[in-house]
Each structure stands twice: as C-alpha cells, then as structure tokens.
Amino acid sequence: MTGSISLTLAYLLGSIPFGYLLVRWQRGVDVRRTGSGSIGATNVMRSLGGVGFAATFLLDVGKGTMAVWLAGRLTGNDPRWLGAAAVAAVVGHCYPVWLGFRGGKGVATGVGVFIGLAPLPVVMVLGIFVVLLAIFRYVSLGSIIATAAFPFLVHFVNHAPRSITAGAAGGALLIIAKHYANIQRLIVGTERRVGKGRPAVNSKL
C-alpha cells in the first residue's frame, strides 16, 4: 500500500507544471504556445530570461528529488520503490494530468530524481553536460548524452542495486525519447545552438 502511495505522490509531484505556472503568472500566456512548446526551463527562458530559466530548473529539480525522498520515507528506502518513483516523477513532468498530458522533456526533473537515487554520478553527468555544451553549443546534445551516461555510472561507479539502476535507465530512456525532435534536428543540422539563431536547413552538425 505504501509503495503504491509513493508512486502516486511521485507522479503528482512530477506533474506540477512550474514552468507553465511561472510564465502564466508573469506574462499571462501559455508557454506551450511559444518556442518549442515545452514547459521546461529552456523554453521558459525564451519568455522570462535567465531568471525564469533558473527558477524553473531549480523547482523542477526539487520536485524530482522530493518524489524519491518521499518514496524512501514511505517504503523504508526500498530500492524497488525508489527506482519506480524516479520513473513516475519523470512521467509526471512529461505527461502532467493538469495540462492534458502535455508537458516537458524531463531533463531537470530527471536531474532531481537522479540526485535522489545516486548523487555522485549526477555530478559526473553534469560535468559531461557542461563539457559537451562548451564544445558543441547544443543544450539538447549535452542533455541527451549526459542522460544516457547516468544509468551506466550508477551501475559501474555506485554499484547500486539493480532496481535503482533500472529506475535510472527507465527515467533516462523516457527523457531521451522526449528529445526525438531534437535528435532529428541534430541529424539534419537544424538544431539551434546556444547564443545563435536556428541554422539553415542544409547546414551541417
């Protein structure tokens, strides 16, 4: 029973659409109708600037970490429920019931649940993200590769239980799947770089 409750709470926490609420509060518009259509921090930045990005990112990280922490409190830190709660929180962000199941891509919430599961590998993947962003200037590329690396680091560096690794992998796969459009644009060279406009369709990565 407590495990089921922890999953429900994890989903509901993950589904709190902080980016949507902040833009609606500050600009009176639906952030899903601007930019990429996401409720995540990167799209919020297009409406609210750096402060909006930071606020959305930190709030989304916080709800992910809280979801895993609550699951631990309710289930005696049972790794099976911790892993499941991590996935549920990311699902909540990507498919929030409050917004007709149209949410964000789960990166910041993923960072939050990953902190709850295995803090040390999170530091490592953030390092990977920063290096890739500095070299290639693509937020999406850095996010995808860093996310993909996390389950492997959980397994080989943290030597976590299989259920924790499985939860990390499940969350990572969902986040990467939500970046499908970004992957397509990266392939054809039309993904927007940080600090630059969208390139021409025939440009190369």
N, C-alpha and C. Protein backbone atom coordinates (compact mmCIF):
# COMPACT_ATOMS: atom_id res chain seq x y z
N MET A 1 0.83 -1.21 0.00
CA MET A 1 0.00 0.00 0.00
C MET A 1 0.86 1.26 0.00
N THR A 2 1.88 1.30 0.89
CA THR A 2 2.74 2.48 0.94
C THR A 2 3.51 2.67 -0.37
N GLY A 3 3.86 1.54 -1.02
CA GLY A 3 4.55 1.65 -2.29
C GLY A 3 3.68 2.30 -3.35
N SER A 4 2.44 1.89 -3.40
CA SER A 4 1.50 2.48 -4.37
C SER A 4 1.28 3.96 -4.09
N ILE A 5 1.19 4.29 -2.80
CA ILE A 5 1.03 5.70 -2.43
C ILE A 5 2.25 6.50 -2.88
N SER A 6 3.44 5.93 -2.69
CA SER A 6 4.66 6.64 -3.07
C SER A 6 4.71 6.89 -4.58
N LEU A 7 4.22 5.94 -5.36
CA LEU A 7 4.20 6.13 -6.82
C LEU A 7 3.22 7.22 -7.21
N THR A 8 2.05 7.22 -6.57
CA THR A 8 1.05 8.25 -6.87
C THR A 8 1.58 9.64 -6.53
N LEU A 9 2.20 9.76 -5.35
CA LEU A 9 2.75 11.04 -4.94
C LEU A 9 3.89 11.47 -5.86
N ALA A 10 4.70 10.51 -6.29
CA ALA A 10 5.82 10.83 -7.19
C ALA A 10 5.29 11.38 -8.51
N TYR A 11 4.27 10.74 -9.04
CA TYR A 11 3.68 11.23 -10.30
C TYR A 11 3.09 12.62 -10.11
N LEU A 12 2.33 12.81 -9.03
CA LEU A 12 1.68 14.10 -8.81
C LEU A 12 2.70 15.21 -8.58
N LEU A 13 3.77 14.91 -7.85
CA LEU A 13 4.83 15.90 -7.66
C LEU A 13 5.48 16.24 -9.00
N GLY A 14 5.80 15.20 -9.76
CA GLY A 14 6.42 15.42 -11.06
C GLY A 14 5.54 16.21 -12.00
N SER A 15 4.25 16.10 -11.84
CA SER A 15 3.31 16.74 -12.76
C SER A 15 3.04 18.21 -12.45
N ILE A 16 3.60 18.73 -11.36
CA ILE A 16 3.41 20.16 -11.06
C ILE A 16 4.12 20.97 -12.14
N PRO A 17 3.39 21.72 -12.95
CA PRO A 17 3.99 22.40 -14.13
C PRO A 17 4.55 23.77 -13.78
N PHE A 18 5.68 23.78 -13.08
CA PHE A 18 6.23 25.05 -12.60
C PHE A 18 6.50 26.03 -13.74
N GLY A 19 7.08 25.54 -14.85
CA GLY A 19 7.37 26.43 -15.97
C GLY A 19 6.11 27.08 -16.52
N TYR A 20 5.09 26.27 -16.70
CA TYR A 20 3.81 26.78 -17.19
C TYR A 20 3.26 27.83 -16.23
N LEU A 21 3.28 27.54 -14.93
CA LEU A 21 2.71 28.44 -13.94
C LEU A 21 3.48 29.76 -13.87
N LEU A 22 4.81 29.69 -13.96
CA LEU A 22 5.62 30.91 -13.89
C LEU A 22 5.36 31.83 -15.08
N VAL A 23 5.30 31.26 -16.28
CA VAL A 23 5.07 32.08 -17.46
C VAL A 23 3.64 32.63 -17.46
N ARG A 24 2.68 31.82 -17.04
CA ARG A 24 1.30 32.28 -16.95
C ARG A 24 1.19 33.43 -15.95
N TRP A 25 1.91 33.30 -14.84
CA TRP A 25 1.88 34.33 -13.79
C TRP A 25 2.55 35.63 -14.26
N GLN A 26 3.71 35.51 -14.91
CA GLN A 26 4.48 36.68 -15.28
C GLN A 26 4.05 37.31 -16.60
N ARG A 27 3.62 36.49 -17.56
CA ARG A 27 3.31 37.01 -18.89
C ARG A 27 1.85 36.81 -19.30
N GLY A 28 1.14 35.96 -18.56
CA GLY A 28 -0.25 35.73 -18.89
C GLY A 28 -0.46 34.92 -20.15
N VAL A 29 0.55 34.14 -20.55
CA VAL A 29 0.45 33.33 -21.76
C VAL A 29 0.75 31.87 -21.44
N ASP A 30 0.36 31.01 -22.35
CA ASP A 30 0.63 29.57 -22.24
C ASP A 30 1.98 29.29 -22.87
N VAL A 31 2.96 28.90 -22.07
CA VAL A 31 4.31 28.68 -22.58
C VAL A 31 4.35 27.59 -23.63
N ARG A 32 3.35 26.72 -23.64
CA ARG A 32 3.32 25.65 -24.63
C ARG A 32 3.00 26.18 -26.04
N ARG A 33 2.60 27.44 -26.11
CA ARG A 33 2.30 28.06 -27.42
C ARG A 33 3.46 28.92 -27.90
N THR A 34 4.60 28.83 -27.20
CA THR A 34 5.77 29.60 -27.60
C THR A 34 6.96 28.67 -27.79
N GLY A 35 7.92 29.09 -28.58
CA GLY A 35 9.15 28.34 -28.75
C GLY A 35 8.94 26.89 -29.12
N SER A 36 9.53 26.01 -28.31
CA SER A 36 9.46 24.57 -28.57
C SER A 36 8.15 23.95 -28.12
N GLY A 37 7.35 24.69 -27.36
CA GLY A 37 6.09 24.15 -26.84
C GLY A 37 6.24 23.38 -25.55
N SER A 38 7.44 23.35 -25.01
CA SER A 38 7.70 22.62 -23.77
C SER A 38 7.44 23.50 -22.56
N ILE A 39 7.23 22.88 -21.39
CA ILE A 39 7.07 23.64 -20.16
C ILE A 39 8.37 23.67 -19.37
N GLY A 40 9.45 23.20 -19.97
CA GLY A 40 10.73 23.12 -19.28
C GLY A 40 11.48 24.44 -19.24
N ALA A 41 12.61 24.42 -18.53
CA ALA A 41 13.37 25.63 -18.25
C ALA A 41 13.89 26.32 -19.51
N THR A 42 14.35 25.54 -20.49
CA THR A 42 14.91 26.15 -21.69
C THR A 42 13.86 26.95 -22.45
N ASN A 43 12.65 26.41 -22.55
CA ASN A 43 11.60 27.15 -23.25
C ASN A 43 11.09 28.31 -22.41
N VAL A 44 11.05 28.15 -21.10
CA VAL A 44 10.65 29.26 -20.23
C VAL A 44 11.61 30.43 -20.38
N MET A 45 12.89 30.13 -20.60
CA MET A 45 13.88 31.19 -20.76
C MET A 45 13.54 32.12 -21.91
N ARG A 46 12.90 31.60 -22.94
CA ARG A 46 12.54 32.43 -24.09
C ARG A 46 11.50 33.49 -23.71
N SER A 47 10.74 33.22 -22.65
CA SER A 47 9.72 34.18 -22.21
C SER A 47 10.17 35.01 -21.02
N LEU A 48 10.96 34.40 -20.11
CA LEU A 48 11.29 35.07 -18.84
C LEU A 48 12.79 35.30 -18.64
N GLY A 49 13.59 34.91 -19.61
CA GLY A 49 15.03 35.15 -19.47
C GLY A 49 15.71 34.21 -18.50
N GLY A 50 16.91 34.59 -18.10
CA GLY A 50 17.73 33.73 -17.25
C GLY A 50 17.12 33.46 -15.89
N VAL A 51 16.46 34.44 -15.32
CA VAL A 51 15.83 34.24 -14.01
C VAL A 51 14.73 33.19 -14.11
N GLY A 52 13.94 33.26 -15.18
CA GLY A 52 12.90 32.27 -15.38
C GLY A 52 13.47 30.88 -15.58
N PHE A 53 14.56 30.80 -16.33
CA PHE A 53 15.23 29.52 -16.53
C PHE A 53 15.67 28.94 -15.19
N ALA A 54 16.37 29.75 -14.39
CA ALA A 54 16.90 29.27 -13.12
C ALA A 54 15.79 28.83 -12.17
N ALA A 55 14.74 29.64 -12.10
CA ALA A 55 13.63 29.31 -11.20
C ALA A 55 12.96 28.01 -11.61
N THR A 56 12.69 27.86 -12.91
CA THR A 56 12.03 26.65 -13.40
C THR A 56 12.91 25.44 -13.20
N PHE A 57 14.18 25.57 -13.54
CA PHE A 57 15.11 24.46 -13.41
C PHE A 57 15.19 23.98 -11.95
N LEU A 58 15.38 24.91 -11.03
CA LEU A 58 15.53 24.53 -9.63
C LEU A 58 14.25 23.93 -9.06
N LEU A 59 13.11 24.48 -9.42
CA LEU A 59 11.85 23.92 -8.95
C LEU A 59 11.60 22.53 -9.51
N ASP A 60 11.93 22.33 -10.78
CA ASP A 60 11.75 21.01 -11.38
C ASP A 60 12.73 19.99 -10.79
N VAL A 61 13.96 20.42 -10.53
CA VAL A 61 14.92 19.54 -9.85
C VAL A 61 14.38 19.18 -8.47
N GLY A 62 13.88 20.18 -7.75
CA GLY A 62 13.40 19.95 -6.40
C GLY A 62 12.25 18.96 -6.33
N LYS A 63 11.32 19.06 -7.27
CA LYS A 63 10.17 18.13 -7.21
C LYS A 63 10.61 16.71 -7.51
N GLY A 64 11.62 16.54 -8.37
CA GLY A 64 12.13 15.20 -8.64
C GLY A 64 12.80 14.59 -7.43
N THR A 65 13.64 15.39 -6.78
CA THR A 65 14.33 14.90 -5.58
C THR A 65 13.33 14.59 -4.47
N MET A 66 12.34 15.46 -4.31
CA MET A 66 11.32 15.26 -3.29
C MET A 66 10.54 13.98 -3.54
N ALA A 67 10.25 13.66 -4.79
CA ALA A 67 9.50 12.45 -5.11
C ALA A 67 10.25 11.20 -4.65
N VAL A 68 11.55 11.16 -4.90
CA VAL A 68 12.35 10.00 -4.49
C VAL A 68 12.49 9.97 -2.97
N TRP A 69 12.68 11.14 -2.37
CA TRP A 69 12.83 11.21 -0.91
C TRP A 69 11.56 10.71 -0.22
N LEU A 70 10.40 11.14 -0.69
CA LEU A 70 9.14 10.69 -0.09
C LEU A 70 8.96 9.19 -0.25
N ALA A 71 9.33 8.67 -1.41
CA ALA A 71 9.24 7.22 -1.62
C ALA A 71 10.11 6.49 -0.62
N GLY A 72 11.28 7.04 -0.35
CA GLY A 72 12.16 6.42 0.65
C GLY A 72 11.57 6.45 2.04
N ARG A 73 10.97 7.56 2.39
CA ARG A 73 10.35 7.69 3.71
C ARG A 73 9.17 6.73 3.88
N LEU A 74 8.40 6.57 2.83
CA LEU A 74 7.20 5.74 2.91
C LEU A 74 7.49 4.25 2.83
N THR A 75 8.58 3.87 2.19
CA THR A 75 8.85 2.45 1.95
C THR A 75 10.10 1.93 2.65
N GLY A 76 10.64 2.73 3.57
CA GLY A 76 11.85 2.28 4.26
C GLY A 76 13.05 2.19 3.32
N ASN A 77 13.10 3.10 2.36
CA ASN A 77 14.19 3.15 1.37
C ASN A 77 14.31 1.86 0.57
N ASP A 78 13.19 1.23 0.31
CA ASP A 78 13.18 0.04 -0.54
C ASP A 78 13.63 0.45 -1.94
N PRO A 79 14.74 -0.09 -2.44
CA PRO A 79 15.26 0.35 -3.75
C PRO A 79 14.29 0.11 -4.91
N ARG A 80 13.43 -0.87 -4.78
CA ARG A 80 12.46 -1.12 -5.85
C ARG A 80 11.51 0.05 -6.00
N TRP A 81 11.03 0.57 -4.89
CA TRP A 81 10.09 1.69 -4.94
C TRP A 81 10.80 3.00 -5.24
N LEU A 82 12.06 3.11 -4.81
CA LEU A 82 12.82 4.32 -5.15
C LEU A 82 13.00 4.43 -6.66
N GLY A 83 13.38 3.32 -7.29
CA GLY A 83 13.54 3.32 -8.75
C GLY A 83 12.23 3.60 -9.46
N ALA A 84 11.16 2.98 -8.97
CA ALA A 84 9.85 3.19 -9.60
C ALA A 84 9.37 4.62 -9.42
N ALA A 85 9.60 5.20 -8.25
CA ALA A 85 9.19 6.58 -8.00
C ALA A 85 9.95 7.55 -8.90
N ALA A 86 11.21 7.25 -9.16
CA ALA A 86 12.01 8.10 -10.05
C ALA A 86 11.37 8.16 -11.44
N VAL A 87 10.99 7.01 -11.95
CA VAL A 87 10.35 6.96 -13.26
C VAL A 87 9.00 7.67 -13.22
N ALA A 88 8.24 7.46 -12.15
CA ALA A 88 6.91 8.07 -12.04
C ALA A 88 6.99 9.59 -12.04
N ALA A 89 8.00 10.14 -11.37
CA ALA A 89 8.14 11.59 -11.33
C ALA A 89 8.46 12.16 -12.71
N VAL A 90 9.33 11.47 -13.45
CA VAL A 90 9.66 11.93 -14.81
C VAL A 90 8.43 11.83 -15.71
N VAL A 91 7.69 10.73 -15.57
CA VAL A 91 6.44 10.58 -16.33
C VAL A 91 5.49 11.72 -16.02
N GLY A 92 5.40 12.08 -14.75
CA GLY A 92 4.52 13.17 -14.34
C GLY A 92 4.89 14.48 -15.01
N HIS A 93 6.19 14.77 -15.09
CA HIS A 93 6.61 16.01 -15.74
C HIS A 93 6.34 15.98 -17.24
N CYS A 94 6.62 14.87 -17.86
CA CYS A 94 6.43 14.77 -19.31
C CYS A 94 4.96 14.70 -19.70
N TYR A 95 4.16 14.10 -18.82
CA TYR A 95 2.73 13.91 -19.13
C TYR A 95 1.88 14.32 -17.93
N PRO A 96 1.84 15.62 -17.62
CA PRO A 96 1.08 16.09 -16.45
C PRO A 96 -0.43 16.04 -16.66
N VAL A 97 -1.12 15.46 -15.72
CA VAL A 97 -2.57 15.33 -15.83
C VAL A 97 -3.24 16.70 -15.90
N TRP A 98 -2.64 17.71 -15.26
CA TRP A 98 -3.24 19.03 -15.19
C TRP A 98 -3.24 19.76 -16.54
N LEU A 99 -2.35 19.36 -17.44
CA LEU A 99 -2.21 20.06 -18.72
C LEU A 99 -2.53 19.15 -19.90
N GLY A 100 -3.45 18.24 -19.68
CA GLY A 100 -3.83 17.35 -20.77
C GLY A 100 -2.71 16.44 -21.21
N PHE A 101 -1.83 16.09 -20.27
CA PHE A 101 -0.71 15.17 -20.52
C PHE A 101 0.28 15.72 -21.55
N ARG A 102 0.39 17.03 -21.61
CA ARG A 102 1.36 17.67 -22.50
C ARG A 102 2.30 18.52 -21.65
N GLY A 103 3.49 17.98 -21.40
CA GLY A 103 4.42 18.66 -20.50
C GLY A 103 5.76 18.96 -21.13
N GLY A 104 6.82 18.67 -20.37
CA GLY A 104 8.17 18.97 -20.82
C GLY A 104 8.94 17.73 -21.21
N LYS A 105 10.26 17.88 -21.29
CA LYS A 105 11.11 16.78 -21.73
C LYS A 105 11.79 16.06 -20.57
N GLY A 106 11.61 16.55 -19.36
CA GLY A 106 12.01 15.80 -18.18
C GLY A 106 13.45 15.94 -17.74
N VAL A 107 14.23 16.84 -18.35
CA VAL A 107 15.65 16.90 -18.01
C VAL A 107 15.86 17.34 -16.56
N ALA A 108 15.30 18.49 -16.18
CA ALA A 108 15.52 19.00 -14.83
C ALA A 108 14.91 18.07 -13.78
N THR A 109 13.71 17.57 -14.04
CA THR A 109 13.10 16.61 -13.12
C THR A 109 13.95 15.34 -13.06
N GLY A 110 14.51 14.95 -14.20
CA GLY A 110 15.43 13.81 -14.22
C GLY A 110 16.64 14.06 -13.35
N VAL A 111 17.21 15.25 -13.42
CA VAL A 111 18.33 15.59 -12.54
C VAL A 111 17.92 15.43 -11.09
N GLY A 112 16.72 15.88 -10.76
CA GLY A 112 16.24 15.77 -9.39
C GLY A 112 16.11 14.34 -8.91
N VAL A 113 15.50 13.49 -9.73
CA VAL A 113 15.34 12.09 -9.30
C VAL A 113 16.69 11.39 -9.29
N PHE A 114 17.58 11.78 -10.20
CA PHE A 114 18.90 11.17 -10.21
C PHE A 114 19.68 11.55 -8.95
N ILE A 115 19.51 12.79 -8.48
CA ILE A 115 20.13 13.19 -7.22
C ILE A 115 19.62 12.31 -6.08
N GLY A 116 18.31 12.04 -6.10
CA GLY A 116 17.72 11.20 -5.07
C GLY A 116 18.22 9.76 -5.12
N LEU A 117 18.53 9.28 -6.33
CA LEU A 117 18.97 7.89 -6.48
C LEU A 117 20.46 7.74 -6.23
N ALA A 118 21.28 8.64 -6.80
CA ALA A 118 22.74 8.47 -6.76
C ALA A 118 23.41 9.82 -6.99
N PRO A 119 23.70 10.57 -5.93
CA PRO A 119 24.23 11.94 -6.10
C PRO A 119 25.57 12.02 -6.83
N LEU A 120 26.50 11.12 -6.53
CA LEU A 120 27.83 11.21 -7.15
C LEU A 120 27.79 11.12 -8.67
N PRO A 121 27.10 10.15 -9.26
CA PRO A 121 27.00 10.12 -10.72
C PRO A 121 26.36 11.37 -11.31
N VAL A 122 25.49 12.03 -10.55
CA VAL A 122 24.88 13.26 -11.05
C VAL A 122 25.95 14.32 -11.28
N VAL A 123 26.89 14.44 -10.34
CA VAL A 123 27.98 15.40 -10.50
C VAL A 123 28.76 15.08 -11.77
N MET A 124 28.97 13.80 -12.02
CA MET A 124 29.72 13.39 -13.20
C MET A 124 28.97 13.70 -14.49
N VAL A 125 27.67 13.44 -14.51
CA VAL A 125 26.92 13.70 -15.75
C VAL A 125 26.76 15.20 -15.98
N LEU A 126 26.68 15.99 -14.91
CA LEU A 126 26.64 17.43 -15.10
C LEU A 126 27.95 17.92 -15.71
N GLY A 127 29.05 17.30 -15.30
CA GLY A 127 30.33 17.62 -15.91
C GLY A 127 30.35 17.29 -17.39
N ILE A 128 29.79 16.13 -17.74
CA ILE A 128 29.69 15.73 -19.15
C ILE A 128 28.86 16.75 -19.93
N PHE A 129 27.74 17.15 -19.34
CA PHE A 129 26.86 18.12 -20.00
C PHE A 129 27.59 19.44 -20.25
N VAL A 130 28.28 19.94 -19.25
CA VAL A 130 28.97 21.23 -19.38
C VAL A 130 30.04 21.17 -20.46
N VAL A 131 30.81 20.08 -20.48
CA VAL A 131 31.87 19.93 -21.49
C VAL A 131 31.27 19.89 -22.90
N LEU A 132 30.21 19.09 -23.08
CA LEU A 132 29.59 18.98 -24.40
C LEU A 132 28.96 20.30 -24.84
N LEU A 133 28.34 21.00 -23.88
CA LEU A 133 27.74 22.29 -24.22
C LEU A 133 28.81 23.29 -24.63
N ALA A 134 29.93 23.29 -23.92
CA ALA A 134 31.01 24.21 -24.24
C ALA A 134 31.61 23.92 -25.62
N ILE A 135 31.68 22.65 -25.99
CA ILE A 135 32.29 22.27 -27.27
C ILE A 135 31.33 22.47 -28.43
N PHE A 136 30.10 21.94 -28.29
CA PHE A 136 29.17 21.90 -29.43
C PHE A 136 28.09 22.97 -29.40
N ARG A 137 27.82 23.56 -28.22
CA ARG A 137 26.82 24.62 -28.06
C ARG A 137 25.39 24.15 -28.28
N TYR A 138 25.16 22.87 -28.12
CA TYR A 138 23.80 22.33 -28.22
C TYR A 138 23.34 21.86 -26.84
N VAL A 139 22.33 22.51 -26.28
CA VAL A 139 21.78 22.07 -25.00
C VAL A 139 21.22 20.65 -25.12
N SER A 140 20.52 20.39 -26.22
CA SER A 140 19.88 19.08 -26.40
C SER A 140 20.91 17.96 -26.47
N LEU A 141 21.98 18.17 -27.21
CA LEU A 141 23.00 17.13 -27.34
C LEU A 141 23.64 16.82 -25.99
N GLY A 142 23.98 17.87 -25.25
CA GLY A 142 24.55 17.66 -23.92
C GLY A 142 23.59 16.93 -23.00
N SER A 143 22.31 17.30 -23.06
CA SER A 143 21.31 16.67 -22.20
C SER A 143 21.14 15.20 -22.55
N ILE A 144 21.09 14.88 -23.84
CA ILE A 144 20.86 13.50 -24.27
C ILE A 144 22.01 12.59 -23.88
N ILE A 145 23.23 13.03 -24.16
CA ILE A 145 24.39 12.17 -23.88
C ILE A 145 24.61 12.04 -22.37
N ALA A 146 24.48 13.14 -21.65
CA ALA A 146 24.65 13.08 -20.20
C ALA A 146 23.60 12.18 -19.56
N THR A 147 22.37 12.29 -20.04
CA THR A 147 21.29 11.44 -19.52
C THR A 147 21.56 9.97 -19.81
N ALA A 148 22.02 9.68 -21.03
CA ALA A 148 22.30 8.30 -21.41
C ALA A 148 23.43 7.71 -20.57
N ALA A 149 24.37 8.56 -20.13
CA ALA A 149 25.51 8.07 -19.35
C ALA A 149 25.13 7.72 -17.91
N PHE A 150 24.07 8.33 -17.42
CA PHE A 150 23.76 8.19 -15.98
C PHE A 150 23.55 6.75 -15.53
N PRO A 151 22.70 5.95 -16.19
CA PRO A 151 22.50 4.57 -15.70
C PRO A 151 23.79 3.76 -15.65
N PHE A 152 24.68 3.99 -16.60
CA PHE A 152 25.95 3.26 -16.61
C PHE A 152 26.82 3.68 -15.43
N LEU A 153 26.82 4.97 -15.12
CA LEU A 153 27.59 5.44 -13.98
C LEU A 153 27.00 4.93 -12.67
N VAL A 154 25.67 4.87 -12.60
CA VAL A 154 25.02 4.31 -11.40
C VAL A 154 25.45 2.87 -11.18
N HIS A 155 25.53 2.12 -12.26
CA HIS A 155 25.89 0.70 -12.16
C HIS A 155 27.38 0.50 -11.87
N PHE A 156 28.23 1.19 -12.62
CA PHE A 156 29.66 0.90 -12.54
C PHE A 156 30.39 1.73 -11.48
N VAL A 157 29.87 2.91 -11.15
CA VAL A 157 30.52 3.74 -10.14
C VAL A 157 29.86 3.56 -8.78
N ASN A 158 28.55 3.61 -8.74
CA ASN A 158 27.83 3.49 -7.47
C ASN A 158 27.59 2.04 -7.06
N HIS A 159 27.66 1.13 -8.02
CA HIS A 159 27.35 -0.29 -7.75
C HIS A 159 25.99 -0.42 -7.06
N ALA A 160 25.02 0.32 -7.60
CA ALA A 160 23.69 0.38 -7.00
C ALA A 160 22.93 -0.92 -7.23
N PRO A 161 21.91 -1.19 -6.41
CA PRO A 161 21.04 -2.35 -6.66
C PRO A 161 20.42 -2.28 -8.05
N ARG A 162 20.07 -3.44 -8.57
CA ARG A 162 19.53 -3.49 -9.93
C ARG A 162 18.29 -2.65 -10.10
N SER A 163 17.45 -2.59 -9.07
CA SER A 163 16.22 -1.82 -9.19
C SER A 163 16.51 -0.32 -9.29
N ILE A 164 17.56 0.15 -8.63
CA ILE A 164 17.95 1.56 -8.74
C ILE A 164 18.48 1.84 -10.15
N THR A 165 19.33 0.94 -10.64
CA THR A 165 19.85 1.09 -12.00
C THR A 165 18.71 1.04 -13.01
N ALA A 166 17.75 0.15 -12.78
CA ALA A 166 16.61 0.04 -13.70
C ALA A 166 15.78 1.33 -13.68
N GLY A 167 15.57 1.90 -12.50
CA GLY A 167 14.84 3.16 -12.41
C GLY A 167 15.57 4.28 -13.11
N ALA A 168 16.90 4.32 -12.94
CA ALA A 168 17.71 5.33 -13.62
C ALA A 168 17.60 5.15 -15.14
N ALA A 169 17.66 3.90 -15.59
CA ALA A 169 17.57 3.62 -17.03
C ALA A 169 16.20 3.98 -17.58
N GLY A 170 15.15 3.66 -16.82
CA GLY A 170 13.79 3.97 -17.26
C GLY A 170 13.57 5.46 -17.41
N GLY A 171 14.02 6.23 -16.41
CA GLY A 171 13.90 7.68 -16.49
C GLY A 171 14.71 8.25 -17.64
N ALA A 172 15.93 7.73 -17.81
CA ALA A 172 16.80 8.21 -18.88
C ALA A 172 16.20 7.93 -20.25
N LEU A 173 15.66 6.74 -20.45
CA LEU A 173 15.07 6.40 -21.74
C LEU A 173 13.90 7.30 -22.08
N LEU A 174 13.08 7.61 -21.08
CA LEU A 174 11.93 8.49 -21.33
C LEU A 174 12.40 9.88 -21.72
N ILE A 175 13.41 10.39 -21.01
CA ILE A 175 13.92 11.73 -21.32
C ILE A 175 14.49 11.77 -22.73
N ILE A 176 15.25 10.75 -23.09
CA ILE A 176 15.83 10.71 -24.43
C ILE A 176 14.74 10.60 -25.49
N ALA A 177 13.73 9.78 -25.23
CA ALA A 177 12.62 9.63 -26.18
C ALA A 177 11.90 10.96 -26.39
N LYS A 178 11.78 11.77 -25.34
CA LYS A 178 11.11 13.06 -25.45
C LYS A 178 11.95 14.06 -26.26
N HIS A 179 13.21 13.72 -26.51
CA HIS A 179 14.07 14.57 -27.32
C HIS A 179 14.11 14.11 -28.78
N TYR A 180 13.13 13.33 -29.18
CA TYR A 180 13.14 12.79 -30.54
C TYR A 180 13.26 13.88 -31.60
N ALA A 181 12.47 14.95 -31.45
CA ALA A 181 12.52 16.03 -32.44
C ALA A 181 13.89 16.69 -32.45
N ASN A 182 14.49 16.85 -31.27
CA ASN A 182 15.83 17.43 -31.20
C ASN A 182 16.85 16.54 -31.90
N ILE A 183 16.72 15.24 -31.71
CA ILE A 183 17.63 14.30 -32.36
C ILE A 183 17.52 14.42 -33.87
N GLN A 184 16.29 14.53 -34.36
CA GLN A 184 16.09 14.68 -35.80
C GLN A 184 16.74 15.97 -36.31
N ARG A 185 16.60 17.05 -35.56
CA ARG A 185 17.20 18.32 -35.98
C ARG A 185 18.72 18.27 -35.90
N LEU A 186 19.25 17.57 -34.91
CA LEU A 186 20.70 17.41 -34.82
C LEU A 186 21.24 16.66 -36.03
N ILE A 187 20.52 15.66 -36.46
CA ILE A 187 20.95 14.85 -37.60
C ILE A 187 21.02 15.68 -38.88
N VAL A 188 20.00 16.52 -39.09
CA VAL A 188 19.96 17.30 -40.33
C VAL A 188 20.64 18.66 -40.20
N GLY A 189 21.10 18.99 -38.98
CA GLY A 189 21.83 20.24 -38.79
C GLY A 189 20.99 21.47 -38.60
N THR A 190 19.76 21.32 -38.14
CA THR A 190 18.89 22.49 -37.95
C THR A 190 18.61 22.79 -36.48
N GLU A 191 19.27 22.08 -35.57
CA GLU A 191 19.07 22.35 -34.15
C GLU A 191 19.72 23.69 -33.79
N ARG A 192 19.08 24.44 -32.93
CA ARG A 192 19.57 25.76 -32.55
C ARG A 192 20.71 25.63 -31.54
N ARG A 193 21.80 26.34 -31.78
CA ARG A 193 22.92 26.38 -30.85
C ARG A 193 22.68 27.48 -29.81
N VAL A 194 23.30 27.35 -28.66
CA VAL A 194 23.23 28.38 -27.64
C VAL A 194 23.90 29.64 -28.16
N GLY A 195 23.17 30.76 -28.05
CA GLY A 195 23.73 32.03 -28.49
C GLY A 195 23.62 32.31 -29.96
N LYS A 196 22.97 31.41 -30.71
CA LYS A 196 22.82 31.62 -32.14
C LYS A 196 21.39 31.34 -32.56
N GLY A 197 20.99 31.85 -33.70
CA GLY A 197 19.67 31.56 -34.25
C GLY A 197 19.64 30.18 -34.84
N ARG A 198 18.48 29.77 -35.30
CA ARG A 198 18.34 28.47 -35.93
C ARG A 198 19.08 28.46 -37.26
N PRO A 199 19.95 27.44 -37.52
CA PRO A 199 20.73 27.41 -38.74
C PRO A 199 19.87 27.06 -39.95
N ALA A 200 20.43 27.26 -41.10
CA ALA A 200 19.73 26.89 -42.33
C ALA A 200 19.56 25.39 -42.40
N VAL A 201 18.55 24.94 -43.17
CA VAL A 201 18.23 23.53 -43.22
C VAL A 201 19.38 22.70 -43.76
N ASN A 202 20.19 23.29 -44.68
CA ASN A 202 21.26 22.50 -45.27
C ASN A 202 22.58 22.61 -44.53
N SER A 203 22.58 23.24 -43.34
CA SER A 203 23.81 23.33 -42.56
C SER A 203 24.15 21.99 -41.95
N LYS A 204 25.39 21.80 -41.57
CA LYS A 204 25.87 20.53 -41.05
C LYS A 204 26.16 20.64 -39.56
N LEU A 205 26.07 19.52 -38.86
CA LEU A 205 26.35 19.46 -37.41
C LEU A 205 27.83 19.65 -37.18
